[in-house]
Amino acid sequence: MKNDNSERIEKLSNLLEVEYSRSKEDIWSAMEDKLSAPKKEEKKVIQLNLRNWTVAASIIILLGIGSFIRFYHENYSTIAGEQYRVELPDGSMVDLNGQSSLQFHPYWWKINRSLNFEGEGYFEVKKGKSFSVVSTNGTTTVLGTSFNIYSRDANYEVNCLTGKVKVKLPGGAQTVITPNQQAKLVNNQLEVTETNAAHSTEWKDNEFYFTRETIKRVFREIEIAYNAKISVEADETTFYSGNFKKTENIEDVLTIVCNPLNLKFVKLETGAYVIKSN
């Protein structure tokens, strides 16, 4: 009967590929050398894993940089009674009227010239790829031109000063206007009329210019220009036409608008104003 060491040698000899012509002592020694030798394959696996982690880390870093470039944005806004000029990455300029805001992606600008805008602003766009101004009530798209956008509440109006402007509503309706044309949202449709587009930018010089505009919008603009509170307790659909400069005293301006329409204003203790019929 074979002893334990002999049985172990015979069972392992095939795996170790050791010839039986050698002595048992040589076989046992060879077996121990094989068992004690470092496992090179495990090192390869570890090295491979390290390379995988390096590649994964690089991908994560690149994705992070890409996301930053794509989604980083800058915001600009004005309060009532304030005007501010913004220069875009390509040198295009935007003049913001009071209570207006815009947002754009500066590092993505060369790929997509698009910004979000609400309020009133005058745009001077450098020639280049398509330039889009996205507002709640519509989108204005140009290549290189100048125009004024009014997008407040349910109102949307675009006046073209130079070049061509495409105006599109969220529902899909669209039109193209040229210098001295106006596209205005009326009953959920775009109405195009001939106009003196320069009048639409007179707010830049602290002037008011209204052509058959509802008193609701007229007093809203005065409210924004003076950072005041004005409520209307009269027929808000009454139309007003006129132009005048912004003065130091809001009550002078209210008088200019109210008198020809047989209206009056009342100043409350809070400092707010109420517009009433005489």
C-alpha atoms as a PDB file:
ATOM      1  CA  MET A   1       0.000   0.000   0.000  1.00  0.00           C
ATOM      2  CA  LYS A   2       1.419   3.373  -1.055  1.00  0.00           C
ATOM      3  CA  ASN A   3       2.160   5.999   1.553  1.00  0.00           C
ATOM      4  CA  ASP A   4       0.380   9.401   1.478  1.00  0.00           C
ATOM      5  CA  ASN A   5       3.270  11.262  -0.187  1.00  0.00           C
ATOM      6  CA  SER A   6       3.434   8.751  -3.022  1.00  0.00           C
ATOM      7  CA  GLU A   7      -0.284   9.086  -3.709  1.00  0.00           C
ATOM      8  CA  ARG A   8      -0.047  12.875  -3.735  1.00  0.00           C
ATOM      9  CA  ILE A   9       2.903  12.759  -6.127  1.00  0.00           C
ATOM     10  CA  GLU A  10       1.099  10.461  -8.533  1.00  0.00           C
ATOM     11  CA  LYS A  11      -2.056  12.609  -8.558  1.00  0.00           C
ATOM     12  CA  LEU A  12      -0.194  15.853  -9.194  1.00  0.00           C
ATOM     13  CA  SER A  13       2.475  14.582 -11.518  1.00  0.00           C
ATOM     14  CA  ASN A  14       0.261  14.854 -14.603  1.00  0.00           C
ATOM     15  CA  LEU A  15      -0.590  18.478 -13.806  1.00  0.00           C
ATOM     16  CA  LEU A  16       3.024  19.370 -13.225  1.00  0.00           C
ATOM     17  CA  GLU A  17       4.185  17.422 -16.258  1.00  0.00           C
ATOM     18  CA  VAL A  18       7.103  15.870 -14.356  1.00  0.00           C
ATOM     19  CA  GLU A  19       8.647  12.654 -15.700  1.00  0.00           C
ATOM     20  CA  TYR A  20       8.352   9.499 -13.522  1.00  0.00           C
ATOM     21  CA  SER A  21      11.929   8.536 -14.323  1.00  0.00           C
ATOM     22  CA  ARG A  22      13.041  11.166 -11.795  1.00  0.00           C
ATOM     23  CA  SER A  23      13.344  10.379  -8.100  1.00  0.00           C
ATOM     24  CA  LYS A  24      10.571  11.036  -5.689  1.00  0.00           C
ATOM     25  CA  GLU A  25      12.697  13.664  -3.999  1.00  0.00           C
ATOM     26  CA  ASP A  26      13.211  15.497  -7.332  1.00  0.00           C
ATOM     27  CA  ILE A  27       9.508  15.260  -8.122  1.00  0.00           C
ATOM     28  CA  TRP A  28       8.550  16.610  -4.687  1.00  0.00           C
ATOM     29  CA  SER A  29      11.047  19.456  -5.067  1.00  0.00           C
ATOM     30  CA  ALA A  30       9.705  20.336  -8.540  1.00  0.00           C
ATOM     31  CA  MET A  31       6.171  20.320  -7.208  1.00  0.00           C
ATOM     32  CA  GLU A  32       7.056  22.725  -4.400  1.00  0.00           C
ATOM     33  CA  ASP A  33       8.785  25.072  -6.880  1.00  0.00           C
ATOM     34  CA  LYS A  34       5.688  25.094  -9.056  1.00  0.00           C
ATOM     35  CA  LEU A  35       3.382  25.804  -6.104  1.00  0.00           C
ATOM     36  CA  SER A  36       5.567  28.558  -4.679  1.00  0.00           C
ATOM     37  CA  ALA A  37       6.161  30.345  -8.059  1.00  0.00           C
ATOM     38  CA  PRO A  38       4.277  33.713  -8.452  1.00  0.00           C
ATOM     39  CA  LYS A  39       1.178  33.603 -10.644  1.00  0.00           C
ATOM     40  CA  LYS A  40       2.006  35.782 -13.616  1.00  0.00           C
ATOM     41  CA  GLU A  41      -1.509  35.628 -15.047  1.00  0.00           C
ATOM     42  CA  GLU A  42      -2.940  37.369 -11.957  1.00  0.00           C
ATOM     43  CA  LYS A  43      -0.507  40.257 -12.455  1.00  0.00           C
ATOM     44  CA  LYS A  44      -1.715  40.629 -16.014  1.00  0.00           C
ATOM     45  CA  VAL A  45      -5.317  40.799 -14.841  1.00  0.00           C
ATOM     46  CA  ILE A  46      -4.456  43.480 -12.290  1.00  0.00           C
ATOM     47  CA  GLN A  47      -2.586  45.516 -14.889  1.00  0.00           C
ATOM     48  CA  LEU A  48      -5.524  45.181 -17.269  1.00  0.00           C
ATOM     49  CA  ASN A  49      -7.936  46.372 -14.589  1.00  0.00           C
ATOM     50  CA  LEU A  50      -5.743  49.406 -13.886  1.00  0.00           C
ATOM     51  CA  ARG A  51      -5.756  50.293 -17.570  1.00  0.00           C
ATOM     52  CA  ASN A  52      -9.536  49.941 -17.659  1.00  0.00           C
ATOM     53  CA  TRP A  53      -9.908  52.258 -14.693  1.00  0.00           C
ATOM     54  CA  THR A  54      -7.613  54.812 -16.360  1.00  0.00           C
ATOM     55  CA  VAL A  55      -9.666  54.744 -19.567  1.00  0.00           C
ATOM     56  CA  ALA A  56     -12.926  54.990 -17.611  1.00  0.00           C
ATOM     57  CA  ALA A  57     -11.628  57.929 -15.601  1.00  0.00           C
ATOM     58  CA  SER A  58     -10.549  59.701 -18.798  1.00  0.00           C
ATOM     59  CA  ILE A  59     -13.976  59.174 -20.338  1.00  0.00           C
ATOM     60  CA  ILE A  60     -15.678  60.542 -17.228  1.00  0.00           C
ATOM     61  CA  ILE A  61     -13.452  63.621 -17.275  1.00  0.00           C
ATOM     62  CA  LEU A  62     -14.140  64.220 -20.978  1.00  0.00           C
ATOM     63  CA  LEU A  63     -17.877  63.800 -20.444  1.00  0.00           C
ATOM     64  CA  GLY A  64     -17.720  66.248 -17.553  1.00  0.00           C
ATOM     65  CA  ILE A  65     -15.887  68.832 -19.654  1.00  0.00           C
ATOM     66  CA  GLY A  66     -18.308  68.279 -22.537  1.00  0.00           C
ATOM     67  CA  SER A  67     -21.318  68.720 -20.285  1.00  0.00           C
ATOM     68  CA  PHE A  68     -19.854  71.901 -18.834  1.00  0.00           C
ATOM     69  CA  ILE A  69     -19.231  73.340 -22.311  1.00  0.00           C
ATOM     70  CA  ARG A  70     -22.712  72.367 -23.506  1.00  0.00           C
ATOM     71  CA  PHE A  71     -24.846  73.347 -20.532  1.00  0.00           C
ATOM     72  CA  TYR A  72     -23.004  76.182 -18.781  1.00  0.00           C
ATOM     73  CA  HIS A  73     -25.025  79.363 -19.274  1.00  0.00           C
ATOM     74  CA  GLU A  74     -24.905  83.041 -18.463  1.00  0.00           C
ATOM     75  CA  ASN A  75     -27.927  85.071 -17.339  1.00  0.00           C
ATOM     76  CA  TYR A  76     -28.595  88.782 -17.649  1.00  0.00           C
ATOM     77  CA  SER A  77     -31.653  90.611 -16.370  1.00  0.00           C
ATOM     78  CA  THR A  78     -32.848  94.129 -15.639  1.00  0.00           C
ATOM     79  CA  ILE A  79     -35.189  95.503 -13.027  1.00  0.00           C
ATOM     80  CA  ALA A  80     -37.963  98.008 -13.692  1.00  0.00           C
ATOM     81  CA  GLY A  81     -36.595 101.376 -14.779  1.00  0.00           C
ATOM     82  CA  GLU A  82     -33.219  99.921 -15.790  1.00  0.00           C
ATOM     83  CA  GLN A  83     -31.561  99.409 -19.184  1.00  0.00           C
ATOM     84  CA  TYR A  84     -28.508  97.272 -19.852  1.00  0.00           C
ATOM     85  CA  ARG A  85     -26.359  96.339 -22.873  1.00  0.00           C
ATOM     86  CA  VAL A  86     -25.068  92.771 -23.306  1.00  0.00           C
ATOM     87  CA  GLU A  87     -22.324  91.728 -25.739  1.00  0.00           C
ATOM     88  CA  LEU A  88     -22.659  88.159 -26.985  1.00  0.00           C
ATOM     89  CA  PRO A  89     -19.643  85.890 -27.743  1.00  0.00           C
ATOM     90  CA  ASP A  90     -19.665  86.724 -31.479  1.00  0.00           C
ATOM     91  CA  GLY A  91     -19.857  90.487 -30.929  1.00  0.00           C
ATOM     92  CA  SER A  92     -23.626  90.731 -31.428  1.00  0.00           C
ATOM     93  CA  MET A  93     -25.213  93.274 -29.099  1.00  0.00           C
ATOM     94  CA  VAL A  94     -28.457  93.241 -27.126  1.00  0.00           C
ATOM     95  CA  ASP A  95     -29.970  96.260 -25.378  1.00  0.00           C
ATOM     96  CA  LEU A  96     -32.332  95.163 -22.615  1.00  0.00           C
ATOM     97  CA  ASN A  97     -35.237  97.327 -21.537  1.00  0.00           C
ATOM     98  CA  GLY A  98     -36.559  97.220 -17.959  1.00  0.00           C
ATOM     99  CA  GLN A  99     -37.799  93.905 -16.544  1.00  0.00           C
ATOM    100  CA  SER A 100     -36.159  91.876 -19.296  1.00  0.00           C
ATOM    101  CA  SER A 101     -33.897  88.827 -19.244  1.00  0.00           C
ATOM    102  CA  LEU A 102     -31.786  86.666 -21.527  1.00  0.00           C
ATOM    103  CA  GLN A 103     -29.824  83.448 -21.148  1.00  0.00           C
ATOM    104  CA  PHE A 104     -27.251  81.852 -23.466  1.00  0.00           C
ATOM    105  CA  HIS A 105     -24.478  79.217 -23.558  1.00  0.00           C
ATOM    106  CA  PRO A 106     -21.181  81.076 -24.195  1.00  0.00           C
ATOM    107  CA  TYR A 107     -18.971  78.006 -24.765  1.00  0.00           C
ATOM    108  CA  TRP A 108     -21.521  76.426 -27.119  1.00  0.00           C
ATOM    109  CA  TRP A 109     -22.128  79.652 -29.028  1.00  0.00           C
ATOM    110  CA  LYS A 110     -19.968  78.795 -32.066  1.00  0.00           C
ATOM    111  CA  ILE A 111     -21.984  75.626 -32.561  1.00  0.00           C
ATOM    112  CA  ASN A 112     -25.442  77.069 -31.902  1.00  0.00           C
ATOM    113  CA  ARG A 113     -26.235  80.787 -31.713  1.00  0.00           C
ATOM    114  CA  SER A 114     -29.433  80.562 -29.693  1.00  0.00           C
ATOM    115  CA  LEU A 115     -30.625  82.357 -26.572  1.00  0.00           C
ATOM    116  CA  ASN A 116     -33.705  82.542 -24.379  1.00  0.00           C
ATOM    117  CA  PHE A 117     -35.303  85.944 -23.963  1.00  0.00           C
ATOM    118  CA  GLU A 118     -38.264  87.590 -22.242  1.00  0.00           C
ATOM    119  CA  GLY A 119     -39.199  91.273 -22.021  1.00  0.00           C
ATOM    120  CA  GLU A 120     -38.123  93.883 -24.545  1.00  0.00           C
ATOM    121  CA  GLY A 121     -34.801  94.126 -26.305  1.00  0.00           C
ATOM    122  CA  TYR A 122     -33.067  95.568 -29.337  1.00  0.00           C
ATOM    123  CA  PHE A 123     -30.759  93.140 -31.173  1.00  0.00           C
ATOM    124  CA  GLU A 124     -27.880  93.906 -33.519  1.00  0.00           C
ATOM    125  CA  VAL A 125     -26.742  90.543 -34.871  1.00  0.00           C
ATOM    126  CA  LYS A 126     -23.389  89.851 -36.521  1.00  0.00           C
ATOM    127  CA  LYS A 127     -23.523  87.909 -39.779  1.00  0.00           C
ATOM    128  CA  GLY A 128     -22.869  84.209 -39.406  1.00  0.00           C
ATOM    129  CA  LYS A 129     -24.778  81.030 -38.726  1.00  0.00           C
ATOM    130  CA  SER A 130     -28.452  81.113 -37.858  1.00  0.00           C
ATOM    131  CA  PHE A 131     -29.217  83.229 -34.785  1.00  0.00           C
ATOM    132  CA  SER A 132     -32.353  82.391 -32.775  1.00  0.00           C
ATOM    133  CA  VAL A 133     -34.115  84.251 -29.984  1.00  0.00           C
ATOM    134  CA  VAL A 134     -36.510  81.921 -28.176  1.00  0.00           C
ATOM    135  CA  SER A 135     -39.336  83.433 -26.127  1.00  0.00           C
ATOM    136  CA  THR A 136     -42.421  81.943 -24.511  1.00  0.00           C
ATOM    137  CA  ASN A 137     -44.681  83.391 -27.203  1.00  0.00           C
ATOM    138  CA  GLY A 138     -42.496  82.775 -30.259  1.00  0.00           C
ATOM    139  CA  THR A 139     -39.062  82.391 -31.853  1.00  0.00           C
ATOM    140  CA  THR A 140     -37.223  84.948 -33.982  1.00  0.00           C
ATOM    141  CA  THR A 141     -34.512  83.662 -36.355  1.00  0.00           C
ATOM    142  CA  VAL A 142     -32.038  85.682 -38.433  1.00  0.00           C
ATOM    143  CA  LEU A 143     -28.626  85.486 -40.120  1.00  0.00           C
ATOM    144  CA  GLY A 144     -27.431  89.052 -39.674  1.00  0.00           C
ATOM    145  CA  THR A 145     -29.785  91.925 -39.003  1.00  0.00           C
ATOM    146  CA  SER A 146     -31.222  94.306 -36.414  1.00  0.00           C
ATOM    147  CA  PHE A 147     -34.653  94.079 -34.839  1.00  0.00           C
ATOM    148  CA  ASN A 148     -36.670  94.830 -31.712  1.00  0.00           C
ATOM    149  CA  ILE A 149     -38.574  92.148 -29.785  1.00  0.00           C
ATOM    150  CA  TYR A 150     -41.394  92.789 -27.339  1.00  0.00           C
ATOM    151  CA  SER A 151     -42.405  89.666 -25.407  1.00  0.00           C
ATOM    152  CA  ARG A 152     -44.336  90.382 -22.222  1.00  0.00           C
ATOM    153  CA  ASP A 153     -47.314  88.543 -20.766  1.00  0.00           C
ATOM    154  CA  ALA A 154     -49.408  87.433 -23.770  1.00  0.00           C
ATOM    155  CA  ASN A 155     -47.895  90.053 -26.092  1.00  0.00           C
ATOM    156  CA  TYR A 156     -45.366  89.249 -28.822  1.00  0.00           C
ATOM    157  CA  GLU A 157     -44.157  91.756 -31.377  1.00  0.00           C
ATOM    158  CA  VAL A 158     -41.105  91.877 -33.649  1.00  0.00           C
ATOM    159  CA  ASN A 159     -40.032  94.953 -35.627  1.00  0.00           C
ATOM    160  CA  CYS A 160     -37.395  94.522 -38.348  1.00  0.00           C
ATOM    161  CA  LEU A 161     -34.961  97.408 -38.863  1.00  0.00           C
ATOM    162  CA  THR A 162     -32.441  95.787 -41.237  1.00  0.00           C
ATOM    163  CA  GLY A 163     -32.089  92.443 -43.030  1.00  0.00           C
ATOM    164  CA  LYS A 164     -34.738  89.738 -42.862  1.00  0.00           C
ATOM    165  CA  VAL A 165     -36.374  88.219 -39.798  1.00  0.00           C
ATOM    166  CA  LYS A 166     -38.296  84.955 -39.526  1.00  0.00           C
ATOM    167  CA  VAL A 167     -40.891  84.890 -36.767  1.00  0.00           C
ATOM    168  CA  LYS A 168     -42.420  81.586 -35.661  1.00  0.00           C
ATOM    169  CA  LEU A 169     -45.122  80.800 -33.111  1.00  0.00           C
ATOM    170  CA  PRO A 170     -44.996  77.697 -30.882  1.00  0.00           C
ATOM    171  CA  GLY A 171     -47.939  76.267 -32.831  1.00  0.00           C
ATOM    172  CA  GLY A 172     -45.981  76.368 -36.100  1.00  0.00           C
ATOM    173  CA  ALA A 173     -47.335  79.477 -37.828  1.00  0.00           C
ATOM    174  CA  GLN A 174     -44.505  81.604 -39.201  1.00  0.00           C
ATOM    175  CA  THR A 175     -43.706  84.563 -41.422  1.00  0.00           C
ATOM    176  CA  VAL A 176     -40.733  86.511 -42.762  1.00  0.00           C
ATOM    177  CA  ILE A 177     -40.555  90.278 -42.384  1.00  0.00           C
ATOM    178  CA  THR A 178     -38.225  92.847 -43.935  1.00  0.00           C
ATOM    179  CA  PRO A 179     -37.199  96.388 -42.886  1.00  0.00           C
ATOM    180  CA  ASN A 180     -40.058  98.548 -41.601  1.00  0.00           C
ATOM    181  CA  GLN A 181     -42.388  95.616 -41.165  1.00  0.00           C
ATOM    182  CA  GLN A 182     -43.872  94.389 -37.927  1.00  0.00           C
ATOM    183  CA  ALA A 183     -45.044  90.870 -36.993  1.00  0.00           C
ATOM    184  CA  LYS A 184     -47.481  90.947 -34.089  1.00  0.00           C
ATOM    185  CA  LEU A 185     -49.355  88.235 -32.223  1.00  0.00           C
ATOM    186  CA  VAL A 186     -53.073  88.907 -32.654  1.00  0.00           C
ATOM    187  CA  ASN A 187     -55.665  86.291 -31.686  1.00  0.00           C
ATOM    188  CA  ASN A 188     -53.028  83.547 -31.775  1.00  0.00           C
ATOM    189  CA  GLN A 189     -52.029  84.518 -35.321  1.00  0.00           C
ATOM    190  CA  LEU A 190     -49.159  86.571 -36.742  1.00  0.00           C
ATOM    191  CA  GLU A 191     -50.312  89.846 -38.230  1.00  0.00           C
ATOM    192  CA  VAL A 192     -47.814  91.624 -40.507  1.00  0.00           C
ATOM    193  CA  THR A 193     -48.091  95.387 -41.048  1.00  0.00           C
ATOM    194  CA  GLU A 194     -45.970  98.176 -42.493  1.00  0.00           C
ATOM    195  CA  THR A 195     -44.456 100.443 -39.837  1.00  0.00           C
ATOM    196  CA  ASN A 196     -41.634 102.805 -38.997  1.00  0.00           C
ATOM    197  CA  ALA A 197     -39.537 100.242 -37.144  1.00  0.00           C
ATOM    198  CA  ALA A 198     -37.266 102.924 -35.652  1.00  0.00           C
ATOM    199  CA  HIS A 199     -40.114 103.954 -33.360  1.00  0.00           C
ATOM    200  CA  SER A 200     -39.969 100.538 -31.683  1.00  0.00           C
ATOM    201  CA  THR A 201     -36.517 101.360 -30.270  1.00  0.00           C
ATOM    202  CA  GLU A 202     -37.258 104.827 -28.902  1.00  0.00           C
ATOM    203  CA  TRP A 203     -37.330 103.359 -25.407  1.00  0.00           C
ATOM    204  CA  LYS A 204     -33.529 103.293 -25.669  1.00  0.00           C
ATOM    205  CA  ASP A 205     -33.632 107.116 -25.582  1.00  0.00           C
ATOM    206  CA  ASN A 206     -36.186 107.142 -22.732  1.00  0.00           C
ATOM    207  CA  GLU A 207     -39.038 107.976 -25.046  1.00  0.00           C
ATOM    208  CA  PHE A 208     -42.494 106.424 -25.316  1.00  0.00           C
ATOM    209  CA  TYR A 209     -44.067 105.836 -28.717  1.00  0.00           C
ATOM    210  CA  PHE A 210     -47.497 104.225 -29.051  1.00  0.00           C
ATOM    211  CA  THR A 211     -49.593 103.721 -32.170  1.00  0.00           C
ATOM    212  CA  ARG A 212     -53.142 102.552 -31.474  1.00  0.00           C
ATOM    213  CA  GLU A 213     -52.054 100.590 -28.439  1.00  0.00           C
ATOM    214  CA  THR A 214     -54.356  99.442 -25.631  1.00  0.00           C
ATOM    215  CA  ILE A 215     -54.103 101.456 -22.430  1.00  0.00           C
ATOM    216  CA  LYS A 216     -53.398  98.184 -20.636  1.00  0.00           C
ATOM    217  CA  ARG A 217     -50.061  97.954 -22.432  1.00  0.00           C
ATOM    218  CA  VAL A 218     -49.437 101.729 -22.260  1.00  0.00           C
ATOM    219  CA  PHE A 219     -49.749 101.857 -18.484  1.00  0.00           C
ATOM    220  CA  ARG A 220     -47.799  98.607 -18.190  1.00  0.00           C
ATOM    221  CA  GLU A 221     -44.842 100.241 -19.970  1.00  0.00           C
ATOM    222  CA  ILE A 222     -45.074 103.344 -17.796  1.00  0.00           C
ATOM    223  CA  GLU A 223     -45.185 101.089 -14.745  1.00  0.00           C
ATOM    224  CA  ILE A 224     -41.971  99.341 -15.830  1.00  0.00           C
ATOM    225  CA  ALA A 225     -40.168 102.552 -16.827  1.00  0.00           C
ATOM    226  CA  TYR A 226     -40.815 104.166 -13.443  1.00  0.00           C
ATOM    227  CA  ASN A 227     -40.751 101.029 -11.283  1.00  0.00           C
ATOM    228  CA  ALA A 228     -44.224 101.959 -10.065  1.00  0.00           C
ATOM    229  CA  LYS A 229     -47.462 100.128  -9.374  1.00  0.00           C
ATOM    230  CA  ILE A 230     -50.374 101.086 -11.638  1.00  0.00           C
ATOM    231  CA  SER A 231     -53.775  99.416 -11.755  1.00  0.00           C
ATOM    232  CA  VAL A 232     -56.461 100.210 -14.313  1.00  0.00           C
ATOM    233  CA  GLU A 233     -60.112 100.469 -13.310  1.00  0.00           C
ATOM    234  CA  ALA A 234     -61.318 101.470 -16.753  1.00  0.00           C
ATOM    235  CA  ASP A 235     -61.842  99.814 -20.121  1.00  0.00           C
ATOM    236  CA  GLU A 236     -58.384  98.311 -20.750  1.00  0.00           C
ATOM    237  CA  THR A 237     -59.147  97.813 -24.439  1.00  0.00           C
ATOM    238  CA  THR A 238     -59.305 101.575 -25.033  1.00  0.00           C
ATOM    239  CA  PHE A 239     -56.673 102.550 -27.617  1.00  0.00           C
ATOM    240  CA  TYR A 240     -54.071 105.266 -27.255  1.00  0.00           C
ATOM    241  CA  SER A 241     -51.668 106.854 -29.761  1.00  0.00           C
ATOM    242  CA  GLY A 242     -48.957 109.323 -28.853  1.00  0.00           C
ATOM    243  CA  ASN A 243     -45.286 109.872 -28.195  1.00  0.00           C
ATOM    244  CA  PHE A 244     -43.567 111.701 -25.364  1.00  0.00           C
ATOM    245  CA  LYS A 245     -40.351 111.673 -23.359  1.00  0.00           C
ATOM    246  CA  LYS A 246     -39.860 110.097 -19.997  1.00  0.00           C
ATOM    247  CA  THR A 247     -39.776 112.887 -17.419  1.00  0.00           C
ATOM    248  CA  GLU A 248     -38.580 112.941 -13.842  1.00  0.00           C
ATOM    249  CA  ASN A 249     -42.160 112.974 -12.596  1.00  0.00           C
ATOM    250  CA  ILE A 250     -44.385 109.982 -13.356  1.00  0.00           C
ATOM    251  CA  GLU A 251     -47.503 112.059 -12.753  1.00  0.00           C
ATOM    252  CA  ASP A 252     -46.643 114.293 -15.712  1.00  0.00           C
ATOM    253  CA  VAL A 253     -46.616 111.219 -17.939  1.00  0.00           C
ATOM    254  CA  LEU A 254     -49.875 109.890 -16.479  1.00  0.00           C
ATOM    255  CA  THR A 255     -51.487 113.244 -17.181  1.00  0.00           C
ATOM    256  CA  ILE A 256     -50.319 113.168 -20.815  1.00  0.00           C
ATOM    257  CA  VAL A 257     -51.984 109.790 -21.347  1.00  0.00           C
ATOM    258  CA  CYS A 258     -55.119 110.269 -19.236  1.00  0.00           C
ATOM    259  CA  ASN A 259     -56.319 113.698 -20.413  1.00  0.00           C
ATOM    260  CA  PRO A 260     -57.163 112.902 -24.069  1.00  0.00           C
ATOM    261  CA  LEU A 261     -58.919 109.676 -23.024  1.00  0.00           C
ATOM    262  CA  ASN A 262     -61.078 111.290 -20.342  1.00  0.00           C
ATOM    263  CA  LEU A 263     -59.286 109.332 -17.643  1.00  0.00           C
ATOM    264  CA  LYS A 264     -57.804 110.343 -14.307  1.00  0.00           C
ATOM    265  CA  PHE A 265     -55.298 108.881 -11.907  1.00  0.00           C
ATOM    266  CA  VAL A 266     -55.482 108.622  -8.132  1.00  0.00           C
ATOM    267  CA  LYS A 267     -52.422 108.190  -5.959  1.00  0.00           C
ATOM    268  CA  LEU A 268     -52.892 105.855  -3.011  1.00  0.00           C
ATOM    269  CA  GLU A 269     -51.206 106.111   0.384  1.00  0.00           C
ATOM    270  CA  THR A 270     -49.034 103.132  -0.621  1.00  0.00           C
ATOM    271  CA  GLY A 271     -47.606 105.175  -3.496  1.00  0.00           C
ATOM    272  CA  ALA A 272     -49.417 103.106  -6.120  1.00  0.00           C
ATOM    273  CA  TYR A 273     -51.658 104.658  -8.785  1.00  0.00           C
ATOM    274  CA  VAL A 274     -55.151 103.782  -9.928  1.00  0.00           C
ATOM    275  CA  ILE A 275     -56.446 104.794 -13.360  1.00  0.00           C
ATOM    276  CA  LYS A 276     -60.178 105.599 -13.456  1.00  0.00           C
ATOM    277  CA  SER A 277     -62.720 107.052 -15.829  1.00  0.00           C
ATOM    278  CA  ASN A 278     -63.782 110.662 -15.165  1.00  0.00           C
END
